[in-house]
C-alpha atoms as a PDB file:
ATOM      1  CA  UNK A   1       4.498 -19.971  -4.669  1.00  0.00           C
ATOM      2  CA  UNK A   2       5.374 -23.825  -4.527  1.00  0.00           C
ATOM      3  CA  UNK A   3       7.587 -25.150  -1.795  1.00  0.00           C
ATOM      4  CA  UNK A   4      10.104 -25.692  -4.391  1.00  0.00           C
ATOM      5  CA  UNK A   5      10.314 -22.251  -5.682  1.00  0.00           C
ATOM      6  CA  UNK A   6      10.026 -20.422  -2.009  1.00  0.00           C
ATOM      7  CA  UNK A   7      12.416 -19.989   0.436  1.00  0.00           C
ATOM      8  CA  UNK A   8      10.742 -17.975   2.858  1.00  0.00           C
ATOM      9  CA  UNK A   9      13.510 -16.994   4.749  1.00  0.00           C
ATOM     10  CA  UNK A  10      15.242 -15.134   1.704  1.00  0.00           C
ATOM     11  CA  UNK A  11      12.022 -12.755   1.542  1.00  0.00           C
ATOM     12  CA  UNK A  12      12.456 -11.235   4.803  1.00  0.00           C
ATOM     13  CA  UNK A  13      13.948  -7.885   4.608  1.00  0.00           C
ATOM     14  CA  UNK A  14      13.452  -7.939   1.024  1.00  0.00           C
ATOM     15  CA  UNK A  15      13.370  -4.390  -0.287  1.00  0.00           C
ATOM     16  CA  UNK A  16      10.963  -3.919  -3.071  1.00  0.00           C
ATOM     17  CA  UNK A  17      11.059  -1.366  -5.655  1.00  0.00           C
ATOM     18  CA  UNK A  18      10.950   2.346  -4.633  1.00  0.00           C
ATOM     19  CA  UNK A  19       8.443   4.337  -6.756  1.00  0.00           C
ATOM     20  CA  UNK A  20       7.191   8.129  -6.806  1.00  0.00           C
ATOM     21  CA  UNK A  21       3.411   9.335  -6.678  1.00  0.00           C
ATOM     22  CA  UNK A  22       1.689  12.420  -6.323  1.00  0.00           C
ATOM     23  CA  UNK A  23      -1.750  13.040  -4.367  1.00  0.00           C
ATOM     24  CA  UNK A  24      -3.346  14.836  -7.153  1.00  0.00           C
ATOM     25  CA  UNK A  25      -6.660  16.852  -6.416  1.00  0.00           C
ATOM     26  CA  UNK A  26      -8.856  15.088  -8.974  1.00  0.00           C
ATOM     27  CA  UNK A  27      -7.691  11.880  -7.826  1.00  0.00           C
ATOM     28  CA  UNK A  28      -8.259  12.927  -3.992  1.00  0.00           C
ATOM     29  CA  UNK A  29     -11.406  14.219  -4.942  1.00  0.00           C
ATOM     30  CA  UNK A  30     -12.684  11.093  -6.924  1.00  0.00           C
ATOM     31  CA  UNK A  31     -11.560   8.721  -3.902  1.00  0.00           C
ATOM     32  CA  UNK A  32     -13.342  10.930  -1.329  1.00  0.00           C
ATOM     33  CA  UNK A  33     -16.526  10.358  -3.396  1.00  0.00           C
ATOM     34  CA  UNK A  34     -15.734   6.379  -3.930  1.00  0.00           C
ATOM     35  CA  UNK A  35     -15.603   6.082  -0.146  1.00  0.00           C
ATOM     36  CA  UNK A  36     -18.740   8.058   0.650  1.00  0.00           C
ATOM     37  CA  UNK A  37     -16.597  11.065   2.421  1.00  0.00           C
ATOM     38  CA  UNK A  38     -19.011  14.119   2.530  1.00  0.00           C
ATOM     39  CA  UNK A  39     -16.911  16.596   4.465  1.00  0.00           C
ATOM     40  CA  UNK A  40     -15.940  19.386   2.243  1.00  0.00           C
ATOM     41  CA  UNK A  41     -12.131  19.615   3.237  1.00  0.00           C
ATOM     42  CA  UNK A  42     -11.597  16.704   1.270  1.00  0.00           C
ATOM     43  CA  UNK A  43     -13.211  18.089  -2.198  1.00  0.00           C
ATOM     44  CA  UNK A  44     -13.035  21.963  -1.681  1.00  0.00           C
ATOM     45  CA  UNK A  45      -9.876  23.663  -1.597  1.00  0.00           C
ATOM     46  CA  UNK A  46     -11.535  26.695  -0.107  1.00  0.00           C
ATOM     47  CA  UNK A  47     -13.046  24.454   2.847  1.00  0.00           C
ATOM     48  CA  UNK A  48      -9.550  22.676   3.191  1.00  0.00           C
ATOM     49  CA  UNK A  49      -7.929  26.140   3.816  1.00  0.00           C
ATOM     50  CA  UNK A  50     -10.565  27.416   6.221  1.00  0.00           C
ATOM     51  CA  UNK A  51      -9.790  24.097   8.003  1.00  0.00           C
ATOM     52  CA  UNK A  52      -5.981  24.897   8.246  1.00  0.00           C
ATOM     53  CA  UNK A  53      -5.033  22.647   5.472  1.00  0.00           C
ATOM     54  CA  UNK A  54      -2.577  23.817   2.540  1.00  0.00           C
ATOM     55  CA  UNK A  55      -4.769  22.043   0.057  1.00  0.00           C
ATOM     56  CA  UNK A  56      -7.129  19.110  -0.135  1.00  0.00           C
ATOM     57  CA  UNK A  57      -5.808  16.623   2.539  1.00  0.00           C
ATOM     58  CA  UNK A  58      -5.050  13.007   1.724  1.00  0.00           C
ATOM     59  CA  UNK A  59      -7.974  10.837   2.944  1.00  0.00           C
ATOM     60  CA  UNK A  60      -7.415   8.029   5.325  1.00  0.00           C
ATOM     61  CA  UNK A  61      -6.378   4.764   3.222  1.00  0.00           C
ATOM     62  CA  UNK A  62      -5.445   6.742   0.020  1.00  0.00           C
ATOM     63  CA  UNK A  63      -2.069   5.489   0.267  1.00  0.00           C
ATOM     64  CA  UNK A  64      -2.960   2.380  -0.263  1.00  0.00           C
ATOM     65  CA  UNK A  65      -4.715   3.360  -3.787  1.00  0.00           C
ATOM     66  CA  UNK A  66      -1.484   5.102  -4.566  1.00  0.00           C
ATOM     67  CA  UNK A  67       0.515   1.913  -4.036  1.00  0.00           C
ATOM     68  CA  UNK A  68      -1.521   0.001  -6.497  1.00  0.00           C
ATOM     69  CA  UNK A  69      -1.141   2.648  -9.029  1.00  0.00           C
ATOM     70  CA  UNK A  70       2.802   2.073  -9.199  1.00  0.00           C
ATOM     71  CA  UNK A  71       4.383   0.350 -12.119  1.00  0.00           C
ATOM     72  CA  UNK A  72       3.540  -3.413 -12.009  1.00  0.00           C
ATOM     73  CA  UNK A  73       2.260  -3.493  -8.382  1.00  0.00           C
ATOM     74  CA  UNK A  74       2.195  -7.247  -8.457  1.00  0.00           C
ATOM     75  CA  UNK A  75       5.399  -8.123 -10.183  1.00  0.00           C
ATOM     76  CA  UNK A  76       7.352  -9.008  -6.971  1.00  0.00           C
ATOM     77  CA  UNK A  77       5.056 -11.802  -6.457  1.00  0.00           C
ATOM     78  CA  UNK A  78       4.971 -13.018  -9.980  1.00  0.00           C
ATOM     79  CA  UNK A  79       8.922 -13.078  -9.540  1.00  0.00           C
ATOM     80  CA  UNK A  80       8.762 -15.378  -6.457  1.00  0.00           C
ATOM     81  CA  UNK A  81       6.689 -17.717  -8.257  1.00  0.00           C
ATOM     82  CA  UNK A  82       3.013 -16.680  -6.963  1.00  0.00           C
ATOM     83  CA  UNK A  83      -0.003 -17.623  -8.964  1.00  0.00           C
ATOM     84  CA  UNK A  84      -1.810 -14.468  -9.364  1.00  0.00           C
ATOM     85  CA  UNK A  85      -5.023 -16.269  -9.263  1.00  0.00           C
ATOM     86  CA  UNK A  86      -4.281 -17.485  -5.950  1.00  0.00           C
ATOM     87  CA  UNK A  87      -3.798 -14.209  -3.924  1.00  0.00           C
ATOM     88  CA  UNK A  88      -6.403 -12.574  -1.422  1.00  0.00           C
ATOM     89  CA  UNK A  89      -5.807  -9.259   0.250  1.00  0.00           C
ATOM     90  CA  UNK A  90      -5.424 -10.104   3.814  1.00  0.00           C
ATOM     91  CA  UNK A  91      -5.605  -6.836   5.630  1.00  0.00           C
ATOM     92  CA  UNK A  92      -4.019  -3.320   5.677  1.00  0.00           C
ATOM     93  CA  UNK A  93      -2.873  -0.660   8.412  1.00  0.00           C
ATOM     94  CA  UNK A  94      -1.883   2.680   8.499  1.00  0.00           C
ATOM     95  CA  UNK A  95       0.382   5.141  10.804  1.00  0.00           C
ATOM     96  CA  UNK A  96       0.128   8.595  10.037  1.00  0.00           C
ATOM     97  CA  UNK A  97       3.001  10.959  10.894  1.00  0.00           C
ATOM     98  CA  UNK A  98       1.454  14.023   9.589  1.00  0.00           C
ATOM     99  CA  UNK A  99      -1.018  15.388   7.125  1.00  0.00           C
ATOM    100  CA  UNK A 100      -0.302  14.667   3.435  1.00  0.00           C
ATOM    101  CA  UNK A 101      -1.969  17.198   1.017  1.00  0.00           C
ATOM    102  CA  UNK A 102      -2.925  17.459  -2.634  1.00  0.00           C
ATOM    103  CA  UNK A 103       0.420  18.447  -4.888  1.00  0.00           C
ATOM    104  CA  UNK A 104       3.059  16.641  -2.775  1.00  0.00           C
ATOM    105  CA  UNK A 105       5.207  14.293  -4.256  1.00  0.00           C
ATOM    106  CA  UNK A 106       5.708  11.101  -1.980  1.00  0.00           C
ATOM    107  CA  UNK A 107       8.132   8.235  -2.271  1.00  0.00           C
ATOM    108  CA  UNK A 108       7.109   5.011  -1.702  1.00  0.00           C
ATOM    109  CA  UNK A 109       9.969   2.328   0.047  1.00  0.00           C
ATOM    110  CA  UNK A 110       8.257  -0.942   0.271  1.00  0.00           C
ATOM    111  CA  UNK A 111      10.079  -4.074   1.887  1.00  0.00           C
ATOM    112  CA  UNK A 112       8.898  -7.654   2.855  1.00  0.00           C
ATOM    113  CA  UNK A 113       9.125  -7.847   6.706  1.00  0.00           C
ATOM    114  CA  UNK A 114       7.333 -11.299   7.489  1.00  0.00           C
ATOM    115  CA  UNK A 115       6.288 -14.486   6.125  1.00  0.00           C
ATOM    116  CA  UNK A 116       4.494 -17.168   7.727  1.00  0.00           C
ATOM    117  CA  UNK A 117       1.991 -20.158   6.874  1.00  0.00           C
ATOM    118  CA  UNK A 118      -1.046 -21.498   8.511  1.00  0.00           C
ATOM    119  CA  UNK A 119      -3.415 -24.511   7.619  1.00  0.00           C
ATOM    120  CA  UNK A 120      -0.052 -26.771   6.911  1.00  0.00           C
ATOM    121  CA  UNK A 121       1.007 -24.191   4.167  1.00  0.00           C
ATOM    122  CA  UNK A 122      -2.546 -24.056   2.621  1.00  0.00           C
ATOM    123  CA  UNK A 123      -2.493 -20.325   3.588  1.00  0.00           C
ATOM    124  CA  UNK A 124       0.730 -18.511   3.165  1.00  0.00           C
ATOM    125  CA  UNK A 125       1.141 -14.756   4.443  1.00  0.00           C
ATOM    126  CA  UNK A 126       3.384 -12.246   3.361  1.00  0.00           C
ATOM    127  CA  UNK A 127       3.748  -9.159   5.301  1.00  0.00           C
ATOM    128  CA  UNK A 128       4.999  -5.745   3.465  1.00  0.00           C
ATOM    129  CA  UNK A 129       5.690  -2.618   4.940  1.00  0.00           C
ATOM    130  CA  UNK A 130       6.006   0.572   3.490  1.00  0.00           C
ATOM    131  CA  UNK A 131       7.563   3.797   4.605  1.00  0.00           C
ATOM    132  CA  UNK A 132       6.148   6.818   2.755  1.00  0.00           C
ATOM    133  CA  UNK A 133       8.015  10.157   2.618  1.00  0.00           C
ATOM    134  CA  UNK A 134       7.183  13.596   1.462  1.00  0.00           C
ATOM    135  CA  UNK A 135      10.199  15.831   0.710  1.00  0.00           C
ATOM    136  CA  UNK A 136      12.570  13.273   3.131  1.00  0.00           C
ATOM    137  CA  UNK A 137      10.230  13.281   5.507  1.00  0.00           C
ATOM    138  CA  UNK A 138       8.515  10.149   7.055  1.00  0.00           C
ATOM    139  CA  UNK A 139       4.882  10.871   6.682  1.00  0.00           C
ATOM    140  CA  UNK A 140       3.069   7.494   6.765  1.00  0.00           C
ATOM    141  CA  UNK A 141       3.848   3.763   7.330  1.00  0.00           C
ATOM    142  CA  UNK A 142       1.609   1.194   5.463  1.00  0.00           C
ATOM    143  CA  UNK A 143       1.316  -2.399   6.620  1.00  0.00           C
ATOM    144  CA  UNK A 144      -0.144  -4.823   3.738  1.00  0.00           C
ATOM    145  CA  UNK A 145      -0.930  -8.596   4.465  1.00  0.00           C
ATOM    146  CA  UNK A 146      -1.196 -10.738   1.272  1.00  0.00           C
ATOM    147  CA  UNK A 147      -2.688 -14.217   1.300  1.00  0.00           C
ATOM    148  CA  UNK A 148      -1.694 -16.851  -1.026  1.00  0.00           C
ATOM    149  CA  UNK A 149      -4.156 -19.834  -1.032  1.00  0.00           C
ATOM    150  CA  UNK A 150      -2.282 -23.121  -1.958  1.00  0.00           C
ATOM    151  CA  UNK A 151      -4.529 -25.191  -3.907  1.00  0.00           C
ATOM    152  CA  UNK A 152      -1.937 -28.054  -4.393  1.00  0.00           C
ATOM    153  CA  UNK A 153       0.904 -28.239  -2.080  1.00  0.00           C
ATOM    154  CA  UNK A 154       4.166 -29.774  -3.958  1.00  0.00           C
END
């Protein structure tokens, strides 16, 4: 992402490819174990149903792992000239509108909503927001900040 290849204003509002994913039970169980979640509602369907869920609920932050599982998750960065060796994960945030459970097909609609620089352009920040829908109902909104370290300014 060099100064000669990047027009920050053209990025803001840019829609990225929409994709779909399903919250699968096996992947939900694996994720719960990986984050140290011990509540059985995240691993045992019977416990989830007793707790009032129709199936295993999606654990917090799981949507981000689904985003990373989409086809070519960083392709849009390469398309704008970002050297993949220079990216850092800045932050992420989630707004949940309802609980999503295993088996639901989810549609992700990401877009770039902001771009800014710090340290005289040595650090460049791309802000991506993604709306997540289940059966055309907005169920979550994700916010992700990607930091691009500029080792050389052109």
